[in-house]
């Protein structure tokens, strides 16, 4: 039994390392989102860090419209980046978890 526990602990440590490596890799995965008319574009990393915002000059004339566009497109971009992040990290965590009877966290 002690060997099983040591094996599980080793597997958990290995999984933690893979998760950290995946988080670093997700800093290089870019997610693009734009408004339906293409006037505002946002690029995030899959770790939800803003990399670029491009605003068409026509949006600079109406502060309220620009704010609405920023909120709408930023939320869509964050949703997309979060989905990529969760899928990648979830796959690594599920792959590396030891099989503990009665503890099926990822089903």
PDB file of N, CA and C in Angstrom:
ATOM      1  N   UNK A   1       0.828  -1.194   0.000  1.00  0.00           N
ATOM      2  CA  UNK A   1       0.000   0.000   0.000  1.00  0.00           C
ATOM      3  C   UNK A   1       0.867   1.250   0.000  1.00  0.00           C
ATOM      4  N   UNK A   2       1.986   1.219   0.749  1.00  0.00           N
ATOM      5  CA  UNK A   2       2.866   2.378   0.806  1.00  0.00           C
ATOM      6  C   UNK A   2       3.434   2.693  -0.569  1.00  0.00           C
ATOM      7  N   UNK A   3       3.758   1.664  -1.318  1.00  0.00           N
ATOM      8  CA  UNK A   3       4.260   1.848  -2.684  1.00  0.00           C
ATOM      9  C   UNK A   3       3.217   2.489  -3.577  1.00  0.00           C
ATOM     10  N   UNK A   4       1.952   2.097  -3.397  1.00  0.00           N
ATOM     11  CA  UNK A   4       0.865   2.693  -4.170  1.00  0.00           C
ATOM     12  C   UNK A   4       0.750   4.185  -3.888  1.00  0.00           C
ATOM     13  N   UNK A   5       0.859   4.560  -2.630  1.00  0.00           N
ATOM     14  CA  UNK A   5       0.765   5.972  -2.241  1.00  0.00           C
ATOM     15  C   UNK A   5       1.927   6.749  -2.832  1.00  0.00           C
ATOM     16  N   UNK A   6       3.133   6.182  -2.774  1.00  0.00           N
ATOM     17  CA  UNK A   6       4.303   6.865  -3.335  1.00  0.00           C
ATOM     18  C   UNK A   6       4.149   7.012  -4.855  1.00  0.00           C
ATOM     19  N   UNK A   7       3.616   5.985  -5.483  1.00  0.00           N
ATOM     20  CA  UNK A   7       3.384   6.048  -6.923  1.00  0.00           C
ATOM     21  C   UNK A   7       2.371   7.122  -7.283  1.00  0.00           C
ATOM     22  N   UNK A   8       1.292   7.204  -6.489  1.00  0.00           N
ATOM     23  CA  UNK A   8       0.277   8.229  -6.723  1.00  0.00           C
ATOM     24  C   UNK A   8       0.857   9.624  -6.497  1.00  0.00           C
ATOM     25  N   UNK A   9       1.657   9.795  -5.463  1.00  0.00           N
ATOM     26  CA  UNK A   9       2.257  11.096  -5.178  1.00  0.00           C
ATOM     27  C   UNK A   9       3.184  11.515  -6.319  1.00  0.00           C
ATOM     28  N   UNK A  10       3.952  10.565  -6.843  1.00  0.00           N
ATOM     29  CA  UNK A  10       4.826  10.846  -7.971  1.00  0.00           C
ATOM     30  C   UNK A  10       4.028  11.258  -9.202  1.00  0.00           C
ATOM     31  N   UNK A  11       2.922  10.560  -9.426  1.00  0.00           N
ATOM     32  CA  UNK A  11       2.057  10.859 -10.568  1.00  0.00           C
ATOM     33  C   UNK A  11       1.439  12.256 -10.421  1.00  0.00           C
ATOM     34  N   UNK A  12       1.033  12.595  -9.216  1.00  0.00           N
ATOM     35  CA  UNK A  12       0.451  13.923  -8.964  1.00  0.00           C
ATOM     36  C   UNK A  12       1.486  15.011  -9.193  1.00  0.00           C
ATOM     37  N   UNK A  13       2.712  14.790  -8.716  1.00  0.00           N
ATOM     38  CA  UNK A  13       3.779  15.773  -8.916  1.00  0.00           C
ATOM     39  C   UNK A  13       4.083  15.946 -10.406  1.00  0.00           C
ATOM     40  N   UNK A  14       4.111  14.846 -11.131  1.00  0.00           N
ATOM     41  CA  UNK A  14       4.347  14.894 -12.576  1.00  0.00           C
ATOM     42  C   UNK A  14       3.223  15.663 -13.279  1.00  0.00           C
ATOM     43  N   UNK A  15       1.993  15.434 -12.850  1.00  0.00           N
ATOM     44  CA  UNK A  15       0.847  16.134 -13.430  1.00  0.00           C
ATOM     45  C   UNK A  15       0.928  17.628 -13.142  1.00  0.00           C
ATOM     46  N   UNK A  16       1.333  17.993 -11.927  1.00  0.00           N
ATOM     47  CA  UNK A  16       1.478  19.409 -11.586  1.00  0.00           C
ATOM     48  C   UNK A  16       2.512  20.075 -12.492  1.00  0.00           C
ATOM     49  N   UNK A  17       3.592  19.371 -12.775  1.00  0.00           N
ATOM     50  CA  UNK A  17       4.627  19.913 -13.650  1.00  0.00           C
ATOM     51  C   UNK A  17       4.082  20.086 -15.074  1.00  0.00           C
ATOM     52  N   UNK A  18       3.310  19.115 -15.549  1.00  0.00           N
ATOM     53  CA  UNK A  18       2.720  19.216 -16.881  1.00  0.00           C
ATOM     54  C   UNK A  18       1.725  20.376 -16.950  1.00  0.00           C
ATOM     55  N   UNK A  19       0.992  20.595 -15.873  1.00  0.00           N
ATOM     56  CA  UNK A  19       0.046  21.716 -15.832  1.00  0.00           C
ATOM     57  C   UNK A  19       0.792  23.035 -15.933  1.00  0.00           C
ATOM     58  N   UNK A  20       1.890  23.173 -15.203  1.00  0.00           N
ATOM     59  CA  UNK A  20       2.684  24.405 -15.265  1.00  0.00           C
ATOM     60  C   UNK A  20       3.259  24.615 -16.667  1.00  0.00           C
ATOM     61  N   UNK A  21       3.729  23.543 -17.292  1.00  0.00           N
ATOM     62  CA  UNK A  21       4.251  23.642 -18.664  1.00  0.00           C
ATOM     63  C   UNK A  21       3.142  24.056 -19.632  1.00  0.00           C
ATOM     64  N   UNK A  22       1.954  23.514 -19.428  1.00  0.00           N
ATOM     65  CA  UNK A  22       0.816  23.863 -20.280  1.00  0.00           C
ATOM     66  C   UNK A  22       0.438  25.325 -20.092  1.00  0.00           C
ATOM     67  N   UNK A  23       0.453  25.811 -18.854  1.00  0.00           N
ATOM     68  CA  UNK A  23       0.152  27.228 -18.594  1.00  0.00           C
ATOM     69  C   UNK A  23       1.143  28.133 -19.323  1.00  0.00           C
ATOM     70  N   UNK A  24       2.408  27.772 -19.312  1.00  0.00           N
ATOM     71  CA  UNK A  24       3.414  28.569 -20.026  1.00  0.00           C
ATOM     72  C   UNK A  24       3.156  28.542 -21.526  1.00  0.00           C
ATOM     73  N   UNK A  25       2.805  27.368 -22.055  1.00  0.00           N
ATOM     74  CA  UNK A  25       2.532  27.249 -23.485  1.00  0.00           C
ATOM     75  C   UNK A  25       1.307  28.071 -23.867  1.00  0.00           C
ATOM     76  N   UNK A  26       0.314  28.127 -22.980  1.00  0.00           N
ATOM     77  CA  UNK A  26      -0.905  28.877 -23.273  1.00  0.00           C
ATOM     78  C   UNK A  26      -0.646  30.385 -23.364  1.00  0.00           C
ATOM     79  N   UNK A  27       0.487  30.837 -22.832  1.00  0.00           N
ATOM     80  CA  UNK A  27       0.874  32.238 -23.014  1.00  0.00           C
ATOM     81  C   UNK A  27       1.194  32.540 -24.470  1.00  0.00           C
ATOM     82  N   UNK A  28       1.474  31.514 -25.260  1.00  0.00           N
ATOM     83  CA  UNK A  28       1.825  31.717 -26.668  1.00  0.00           C
ATOM     84  C   UNK A  28       0.657  31.414 -27.611  1.00  0.00           C
ATOM     85  N   UNK A  29      -0.439  30.898 -27.066  1.00  0.00           N
ATOM     86  CA  UNK A  29      -1.620  30.598 -27.880  1.00  0.00           C
ATOM     87  C   UNK A  29      -2.482  31.859 -27.938  1.00  0.00           C
ATOM     88  N   UNK A  30      -2.675  32.393 -29.141  1.00  0.00           N
ATOM     89  CA  UNK A  30      -3.435  33.632 -29.295  1.00  0.00           C
ATOM     90  C   UNK A  30      -4.867  33.355 -29.715  1.00  0.00           C
ATOM     91  N   UNK A  31      -5.783  34.127 -29.137  1.00  0.00           N
ATOM     92  CA  UNK A  31      -7.207  34.034 -29.424  1.00  0.00           C
ATOM     93  C   UNK A  31      -7.644  35.393 -29.962  1.00  0.00           C
ATOM     94  N   UNK A  32      -8.206  35.401 -31.164  1.00  0.00           N
ATOM     95  CA  UNK A  32      -8.681  36.637 -31.785  1.00  0.00           C
ATOM     96  C   UNK A  32     -10.200  36.690 -31.746  1.00  0.00           C
ATOM     97  N   UNK A  33     -10.704  37.886 -31.510  1.00  0.00           N
ATOM     98  CA  UNK A  33     -12.148  38.110 -31.540  1.00  0.00           C
ATOM     99  C   UNK A  33     -12.372  39.499 -32.114  1.00  0.00           C
ATOM    100  N   UNK A  34     -13.492  39.669 -32.800  1.00  0.00           N
ATOM    101  CA  UNK A  34     -13.807  40.985 -33.353  1.00  0.00           C
ATOM    102  C   UNK A  34     -15.302  41.219 -33.341  1.00  0.00           C
ATOM    103  N   UNK A  35     -15.682  42.496 -33.469  1.00  0.00           N
ATOM    104  CA  UNK A  35     -17.097  42.838 -33.569  1.00  0.00           C
ATOM    105  C   UNK A  35     -17.620  42.315 -34.909  1.00  0.00           C
ATOM    106  N   UNK A  36     -18.924  42.178 -35.008  1.00  0.00           N
ATOM    107  CA  UNK A  36     -19.526  41.640 -36.234  1.00  0.00           C
ATOM    108  C   UNK A  36     -19.155  42.460 -37.459  1.00  0.00           C
ATOM    109  N   UNK A  37     -19.004  43.765 -37.303  1.00  0.00           N
ATOM    110  CA  UNK A  37     -18.669  44.625 -38.442  1.00  0.00           C
ATOM    111  C   UNK A  37     -17.168  44.826 -38.616  1.00  0.00           C
ATOM    112  N   UNK A  38     -16.354  44.197 -37.754  1.00  0.00           N
ATOM    113  CA  UNK A  38     -14.905  44.268 -37.876  1.00  0.00           C
ATOM    114  C   UNK A  38     -14.282  45.582 -37.432  1.00  0.00           C
ATOM    115  N   UNK A  39     -15.053  46.441 -36.774  1.00  0.00           N
ATOM    116  CA  UNK A  39     -14.531  47.753 -36.366  1.00  0.00           C
ATOM    117  C   UNK A  39     -13.651  47.686 -35.116  1.00  0.00           C
ATOM    118  N   UNK A  40     -13.797  46.632 -34.339  1.00  0.00           N
ATOM    119  CA  UNK A  40     -12.984  46.470 -33.137  1.00  0.00           C
ATOM    120  C   UNK A  40     -12.473  45.040 -33.086  1.00  0.00           C
ATOM    121  N   UNK A  41     -11.170  44.893 -32.873  1.00  0.00           N
ATOM    122  CA  UNK A  41     -10.550  43.564 -32.800  1.00  0.00           C
ATOM    123  C   UNK A  41      -9.720  43.477 -31.531  1.00  0.00           C
ATOM    124  N   UNK A  42      -9.782  42.316 -30.881  1.00  0.00           N
ATOM    125  CA  UNK A  42      -9.031  42.080 -29.652  1.00  0.00           C
ATOM    126  C   UNK A  42      -8.302  40.752 -29.773  1.00  0.00           C
ATOM    127  N   UNK A  43      -7.047  40.740 -29.334  1.00  0.00           N
ATOM    128  CA  UNK A  43      -6.259  39.510 -29.291  1.00  0.00           C
ATOM    129  C   UNK A  43      -5.834  39.271 -27.855  1.00  0.00           C
ATOM    130  N   UNK A  44      -6.108  38.067 -27.361  1.00  0.00           N
ATOM    131  CA  UNK A  44      -5.725  37.639 -26.017  1.00  0.00           C
ATOM    132  C   UNK A  44      -4.871  36.390 -26.118  1.00  0.00           C
ATOM    133  N   UNK A  45      -4.124  36.099 -25.047  1.00  0.00           N
ATOM    134  CA  UNK A  45      -3.524  34.777 -24.942  1.00  0.00           C
ATOM    135  C   UNK A  45      -4.581  33.852 -24.352  1.00  0.00           C
ATOM    136  N   UNK A  46      -4.349  32.556 -24.442  1.00  0.00           N
ATOM    137  CA  UNK A  46      -5.276  31.593 -23.843  1.00  0.00           C
ATOM    138  C   UNK A  46      -5.254  31.688 -22.314  1.00  0.00           C
ATOM    139  N   UNK A  47      -4.271  32.393 -21.762  1.00  0.00           N
ATOM    140  CA  UNK A  47      -4.237  32.675 -20.319  1.00  0.00           C
ATOM    141  C   UNK A  47      -4.912  33.997 -19.995  1.00  0.00           C
ATOM    142  N   UNK A  48      -5.648  34.526 -20.954  1.00  0.00           N
ATOM    143  CA  UNK A  48      -6.481  35.714 -20.788  1.00  0.00           C
ATOM    144  C   UNK A  48      -5.694  37.002 -20.521  1.00  0.00           C
ATOM    145  N   UNK A  49      -4.566  37.143 -21.194  1.00  0.00           N
ATOM    146  CA  UNK A  49      -3.791  38.382 -21.148  1.00  0.00           C
ATOM    147  C   UNK A  49      -4.011  39.126 -22.469  1.00  0.00           C
ATOM    148  N   UNK A  50      -4.370  40.404 -22.396  1.00  0.00           N
ATOM    149  CA  UNK A  50      -4.615  41.189 -23.596  1.00  0.00           C
ATOM    150  C   UNK A  50      -3.292  41.442 -24.314  1.00  0.00           C
ATOM    151  N   UNK A  51      -3.257  41.152 -25.606  1.00  0.00           N
ATOM    152  CA  UNK A  51      -2.062  41.372 -26.420  1.00  0.00           C
ATOM    153  C   UNK A  51      -2.247  42.531 -27.384  1.00  0.00           C
ATOM    154  N   UNK A  52      -3.466  42.718 -27.903  1.00  0.00           N
ATOM    155  CA  UNK A  52      -3.684  43.797 -28.864  1.00  0.00           C
ATOM    156  C   UNK A  52      -5.159  44.171 -28.912  1.00  0.00           C
ATOM    157  N   UNK A  53      -5.385  45.462 -29.123  1.00  0.00           N
ATOM    158  CA  UNK A  53      -6.730  45.982 -29.383  1.00  0.00           C
ATOM    159  C   UNK A  53      -6.603  46.906 -30.583  1.00  0.00           C
ATOM    160  N   UNK A  54      -7.423  46.662 -31.602  1.00  0.00           N
ATOM    161  CA  UNK A  54      -7.425  47.495 -32.794  1.00  0.00           C
ATOM    162  C   UNK A  54      -8.801  48.133 -32.918  1.00  0.00           C
ATOM    163  N   UNK A  55      -8.810  49.468 -32.982  1.00  0.00           N
ATOM    164  CA  UNK A  55     -10.058  50.221 -33.038  1.00  0.00           C
ATOM    165  C   UNK A  55     -10.099  51.000 -34.347  1.00  0.00           C
ATOM    166  N   UNK A  56     -11.171  50.802 -35.112  1.00  0.00           N
ATOM    167  CA  UNK A  56     -11.365  51.576 -36.330  1.00  0.00           C
ATOM    168  C   UNK A  56     -11.611  53.042 -35.946  1.00  0.00           C
ATOM    169  N   UNK A  57     -11.085  53.954 -36.753  1.00  0.00           N
ATOM    170  CA  UNK A  57     -11.212  55.387 -36.468  1.00  0.00           C
ATOM    171  C   UNK A  57     -12.662  55.838 -36.311  1.00  0.00           C
ATOM    172  N   UNK A  58     -13.578  55.195 -37.006  1.00  0.00           N
ATOM    173  CA  UNK A  58     -14.986  55.610 -36.926  1.00  0.00           C
ATOM    174  C   UNK A  58     -15.551  55.446 -35.520  1.00  0.00           C
ATOM    175  N   UNK A  59     -14.996  54.530 -34.728  1.00  0.00           N
ATOM    176  CA  UNK A  59     -15.479  54.328 -33.364  1.00  0.00           C
ATOM    177  C   UNK A  59     -14.985  55.418 -32.407  1.00  0.00           C
ATOM    178  N   UNK A  60     -13.977  56.162 -32.812  1.00  0.00           N
ATOM    179  CA  UNK A  60     -13.430  57.207 -31.947  1.00  0.00           C
ATOM    180  C   UNK A  60     -14.346  58.414 -31.856  1.00  0.00           C
ATOM    181  N   UNK A  61     -15.330  58.492 -32.721  1.00  0.00           N
ATOM    182  CA  UNK A  61     -16.249  59.622 -32.738  1.00  0.00           C
ATOM    183  C   UNK A  61     -17.360  59.489 -31.700  1.00  0.00           C
ATOM    184  N   UNK A  62     -17.589  58.289 -31.189  1.00  0.00           N
ATOM    185  CA  UNK A  62     -18.694  58.054 -30.261  1.00  0.00           C
ATOM    186  C   UNK A  62     -18.186  57.236 -29.073  1.00  0.00           C
ATOM    187  N   UNK A  63     -17.887  57.917 -27.988  1.00  0.00           N
ATOM    188  CA  UNK A  63     -17.317  57.282 -26.799  1.00  0.00           C
ATOM    189  C   UNK A  63     -18.210  56.149 -26.274  1.00  0.00           C
ATOM    190  N   UNK A  64     -19.499  56.381 -26.200  1.00  0.00           N
ATOM    191  CA  UNK A  64     -20.423  55.371 -25.675  1.00  0.00           C
ATOM    192  C   UNK A  64     -20.448  54.125 -26.558  1.00  0.00           C
ATOM    193  N   UNK A  65     -20.441  54.326 -27.867  1.00  0.00           N
ATOM    194  CA  UNK A  65     -20.420  53.192 -28.791  1.00  0.00           C
ATOM    195  C   UNK A  65     -19.115  52.407 -28.636  1.00  0.00           C
ATOM    196  N   UNK A  66     -18.004  53.115 -28.534  1.00  0.00           N
ATOM    197  CA  UNK A  66     -16.709  52.453 -28.342  1.00  0.00           C
ATOM    198  C   UNK A  66     -16.700  51.629 -27.067  1.00  0.00           C
ATOM    199  N   UNK A  67     -17.221  52.193 -25.997  1.00  0.00           N
ATOM    200  CA  UNK A  67     -17.281  51.460 -24.722  1.00  0.00           C
ATOM    201  C   UNK A  67     -18.131  50.202 -24.861  1.00  0.00           C
ATOM    202  N   UNK A  68     -19.270  50.323 -25.537  1.00  0.00           N
ATOM    203  CA  UNK A  68     -20.136  49.154 -25.755  1.00  0.00           C
ATOM    204  C   UNK A  68     -19.417  48.081 -26.562  1.00  0.00           C
ATOM    205  N   UNK A  69     -18.717  48.496 -27.615  1.00  0.00           N
ATOM    206  CA  UNK A  69     -17.958  47.562 -28.440  1.00  0.00           C
ATOM    207  C   UNK A  69     -16.877  46.863 -27.608  1.00  0.00           C
ATOM    208  N   UNK A  70     -16.158  47.646 -26.805  1.00  0.00           N
ATOM    209  CA  UNK A  70     -15.094  47.063 -25.987  1.00  0.00           C
ATOM    210  C   UNK A  70     -15.638  46.010 -25.037  1.00  0.00           C
ATOM    211  N   UNK A  71     -16.735  46.305 -24.393  1.00  0.00           N
ATOM    212  CA  UNK A  71     -17.337  45.343 -23.453  1.00  0.00           C
ATOM    213  C   UNK A  71     -17.783  44.082 -24.186  1.00  0.00           C
ATOM    214  N   UNK A  72     -18.482  44.273 -25.298  1.00  0.00           N
ATOM    215  CA  UNK A  72     -19.020  43.128 -26.039  1.00  0.00           C
ATOM    216  C   UNK A  72     -17.895  42.234 -26.572  1.00  0.00           C
ATOM    217  N   UNK A  73     -16.928  42.828 -27.244  1.00  0.00           N
ATOM    218  CA  UNK A  73     -15.874  42.037 -27.870  1.00  0.00           C
ATOM    219  C   UNK A  73     -14.933  41.447 -26.816  1.00  0.00           C
ATOM    220  N   UNK A  74     -14.646  42.200 -25.757  1.00  0.00           N
ATOM    221  CA  UNK A  74     -13.777  41.686 -24.687  1.00  0.00           C
ATOM    222  C   UNK A  74     -14.426  40.473 -24.016  1.00  0.00           C
ATOM    223  N   UNK A  75     -15.705  40.543 -23.744  1.00  0.00           N
ATOM    224  CA  UNK A  75     -16.383  39.399 -23.120  1.00  0.00           C
ATOM    225  C   UNK A  75     -16.373  38.174 -24.024  1.00  0.00           C
ATOM    226  N   UNK A  76     -16.596  38.375 -25.329  1.00  0.00           N
ATOM    227  CA  UNK A  76     -16.540  37.244 -26.270  1.00  0.00           C
ATOM    228  C   UNK A  76     -15.131  36.661 -26.322  1.00  0.00           C
ATOM    229  N   UNK A  77     -14.119  37.528 -26.340  1.00  0.00           N
ATOM    230  CA  UNK A  77     -12.736  37.062 -26.380  1.00  0.00           C
ATOM    231  C   UNK A  77     -12.369  36.316 -25.104  1.00  0.00           C
ATOM    232  N   UNK A  78     -12.798  36.829 -23.962  1.00  0.00           N
ATOM    233  CA  UNK A  78     -12.518  36.158 -22.688  1.00  0.00           C
ATOM    234  C   UNK A  78     -13.192  34.793 -22.617  1.00  0.00           C
ATOM    235  N   UNK A  79     -14.426  34.697 -23.114  1.00  0.00           N
ATOM    236  CA  UNK A  79     -15.118  33.401 -23.143  1.00  0.00           C
ATOM    237  C   UNK A  79     -14.354  32.398 -23.994  1.00  0.00           C
ATOM    238  N   UNK A  80     -13.902  32.849 -25.154  1.00  0.00           N
ATOM    239  CA  UNK A  80     -13.176  31.969 -26.069  1.00  0.00           C
ATOM    240  C   UNK A  80     -11.842  31.537 -25.450  1.00  0.00           C
ATOM    241  N   UNK A  81     -11.102  32.493 -24.879  1.00  0.00           N
ATOM    242  CA  UNK A  81      -9.811  32.179 -24.257  1.00  0.00           C
ATOM    243  C   UNK A  81      -9.997  31.244 -23.068  1.00  0.00           C
ATOM    244  N   UNK A  82     -11.037  31.469 -22.280  1.00  0.00           N
ATOM    245  CA  UNK A  82     -11.309  30.609 -21.125  1.00  0.00           C
ATOM    246  C   UNK A  82     -11.622  29.182 -21.563  1.00  0.00           C
ATOM    247  N   UNK A  83     -12.369  29.036 -22.640  1.00  0.00           N
ATOM    248  CA  UNK A  83     -12.708  27.698 -23.138  1.00  0.00           C
ATOM    249  C   UNK A  83     -11.443  26.952 -23.563  1.00  0.00           C
ATOM    250  N   UNK A  84     -10.537  27.643 -24.264  1.00  0.00           N
ATOM    251  CA  UNK A  84      -9.276  27.012 -24.683  1.00  0.00           C
ATOM    252  C   UNK A  84      -8.458  26.637 -23.457  1.00  0.00           C
ATOM    253  N   UNK A  85      -8.351  27.565 -22.511  1.00  0.00           N
ATOM    254  CA  UNK A  85      -7.569  27.346 -21.298  1.00  0.00           C
ATOM    255  C   UNK A  85      -8.096  26.150 -20.510  1.00  0.00           C
ATOM    256  N   UNK A  86      -9.389  26.127 -20.271  1.00  0.00           N
ATOM    257  CA  UNK A  86      -9.987  25.045 -19.485  1.00  0.00           C
ATOM    258  C   UNK A  86      -9.861  23.697 -20.188  1.00  0.00           C
ATOM    259  N   UNK A  87     -10.037  23.677 -21.497  1.00  0.00           N
ATOM    260  CA  UNK A  87      -9.916  22.421 -22.242  1.00  0.00           C
ATOM    261  C   UNK A  87      -8.497  21.877 -22.158  1.00  0.00           C
ATOM    262  N   UNK A  88      -7.510  22.743 -22.349  1.00  0.00           N
ATOM    263  CA  UNK A  88      -6.109  22.306 -22.325  1.00  0.00           C
ATOM    264  C   UNK A  88      -5.697  21.839 -20.932  1.00  0.00           C
ATOM    265  N   UNK A  89      -5.990  22.647 -19.930  1.00  0.00           N
ATOM    266  CA  UNK A  89      -5.583  22.277 -18.565  1.00  0.00           C
ATOM    267  C   UNK A  89      -6.385  21.086 -18.053  1.00  0.00           C
ATOM    268  N   UNK A  90      -7.660  21.015 -18.423  1.00  0.00           N
ATOM    269  CA  UNK A  90      -8.488  19.883 -18.020  1.00  0.00           C
ATOM    270  C   UNK A  90      -7.984  18.576 -18.595  1.00  0.00           C
ATOM    271  N   UNK A  91      -7.547  18.614 -19.844  1.00  0.00           N
ATOM    272  CA  UNK A  91      -7.031  17.402 -20.486  1.00  0.00           C
ATOM    273  C   UNK A  91      -5.759  16.918 -19.796  1.00  0.00           C
ATOM    274  N   UNK A  92      -4.869  17.848 -19.452  1.00  0.00           N
ATOM    275  CA  UNK A  92      -3.626  17.476 -18.776  1.00  0.00           C
ATOM    276  C   UNK A  92      -3.925  16.922 -17.386  1.00  0.00           C
ATOM    277  N   UNK A  93      -4.821  17.572 -16.665  1.00  0.00           N
ATOM    278  CA  UNK A  93      -5.148  17.124 -15.301  1.00  0.00           C
ATOM    279  C   UNK A  93      -5.805  15.748 -15.326  1.00  0.00           C
ATOM    280  N   UNK A  94      -6.737  15.541 -16.245  1.00  0.00           N
ATOM    281  CA  UNK A  94      -7.438  14.254 -16.310  1.00  0.00           C
ATOM    282  C   UNK A  94      -6.473  13.133 -16.689  1.00  0.00           C
ATOM    283  N   UNK A  95      -5.595  13.426 -17.635  1.00  0.00           N
ATOM    284  CA  UNK A  95      -4.630  12.428 -18.105  1.00  0.00           C
ATOM    285  C   UNK A  95      -3.695  11.983 -16.979  1.00  0.00           C
ATOM    286  N   UNK A  96      -3.342  12.908 -16.104  1.00  0.00           N
ATOM    287  CA  UNK A  96      -2.335  12.602 -15.100  1.00  0.00           C
ATOM    288  C   UNK A  96      -2.844  12.172 -13.749  1.00  0.00           C
ATOM    289  N   UNK A  97      -4.142  12.192 -13.542  1.00  0.00           N
ATOM    290  CA  UNK A  97      -4.663  11.822 -12.229  1.00  0.00           C
ATOM    291  C   UNK A  97      -4.600  10.311 -12.022  1.00  0.00           C
ATOM    292  N   UNK A  98      -4.141   9.919 -10.847  1.00  0.00           N
ATOM    293  CA  UNK A  98      -4.136   8.477 -10.549  1.00  0.00           C
ATOM    294  C   UNK A  98      -5.564   7.970 -10.395  1.00  0.00           C
ATOM    295  N   UNK A  99      -5.745   6.700 -10.643  1.00  0.00           N
ATOM    296  CA  UNK A  99      -7.062   6.084 -10.521  1.00  0.00           C
ATOM    297  C   UNK A  99      -7.313   5.744  -9.050  1.00  0.00           C
ATOM    298  N   UNK A 100      -8.108   6.568  -8.395  1.00  0.00           N
ATOM    299  CA  UNK A 100      -8.434   6.348  -6.985  1.00  0.00           C
ATOM    300  C   UNK A 100      -9.883   5.886  -6.930  1.00  0.00           C
ATOM    301  N   UNK A 101     -10.120   4.659  -6.492  1.00  0.00           N
ATOM    302  CA  UNK A 101     -11.483   4.139  -6.444  1.00  0.00           C
ATOM    303  C   UNK A 101     -12.407   5.048  -5.640  1.00  0.00           C
ATOM    304  N   UNK A 102     -13.581   5.325  -6.206  1.00  0.00           N
ATOM    305  CA  UNK A 102     -14.573   6.161  -5.529  1.00  0.00           C
ATOM    306  C   UNK A 102     -14.334   7.643  -5.699  1.00  0.00           C
ATOM    307  N   UNK A 103     -13.259   8.040  -6.371  1.00  0.00           N
ATOM    308  CA  UNK A 103     -12.951   9.453  -6.553  1.00  0.00           C
ATOM    309  C   UNK A 103     -12.786   9.701  -8.053  1.00  0.00           C
ATOM    310  N   UNK A 104     -13.908   9.884  -8.730  1.00  0.00           N
ATOM    311  CA  UNK A 104     -13.876  10.107 -10.172  1.00  0.00           C
ATOM    312  C   UNK A 104     -14.301  11.554 -10.427  1.00  0.00           C
ATOM    313  N   UNK A 105     -13.322  12.458 -10.342  1.00  0.00           N
ATOM    314  CA  UNK A 105     -13.603  13.891 -10.404  1.00  0.00           C
ATOM    315  C   UNK A 105     -13.869  14.380 -11.823  1.00  0.00           C
ATOM    316  N   UNK A 106     -13.457  13.673 -12.834  1.00  0.00           N
ATOM    317  CA  UNK A 106     -13.504  14.192 -14.191  1.00  0.00           C
ATOM    318  C   UNK A 106     -14.482  13.468 -15.094  1.00  0.00           C
ATOM    319  N   UNK A 107     -15.485  12.840 -14.553  1.00  0.00           N
ATOM    320  CA  UNK A 107     -16.453  12.137 -15.409  1.00  0.00           C
ATOM    321  C   UNK A 107     -17.612  13.021 -15.737  1.00  0.00           C
TER     322      UNK A 107
END
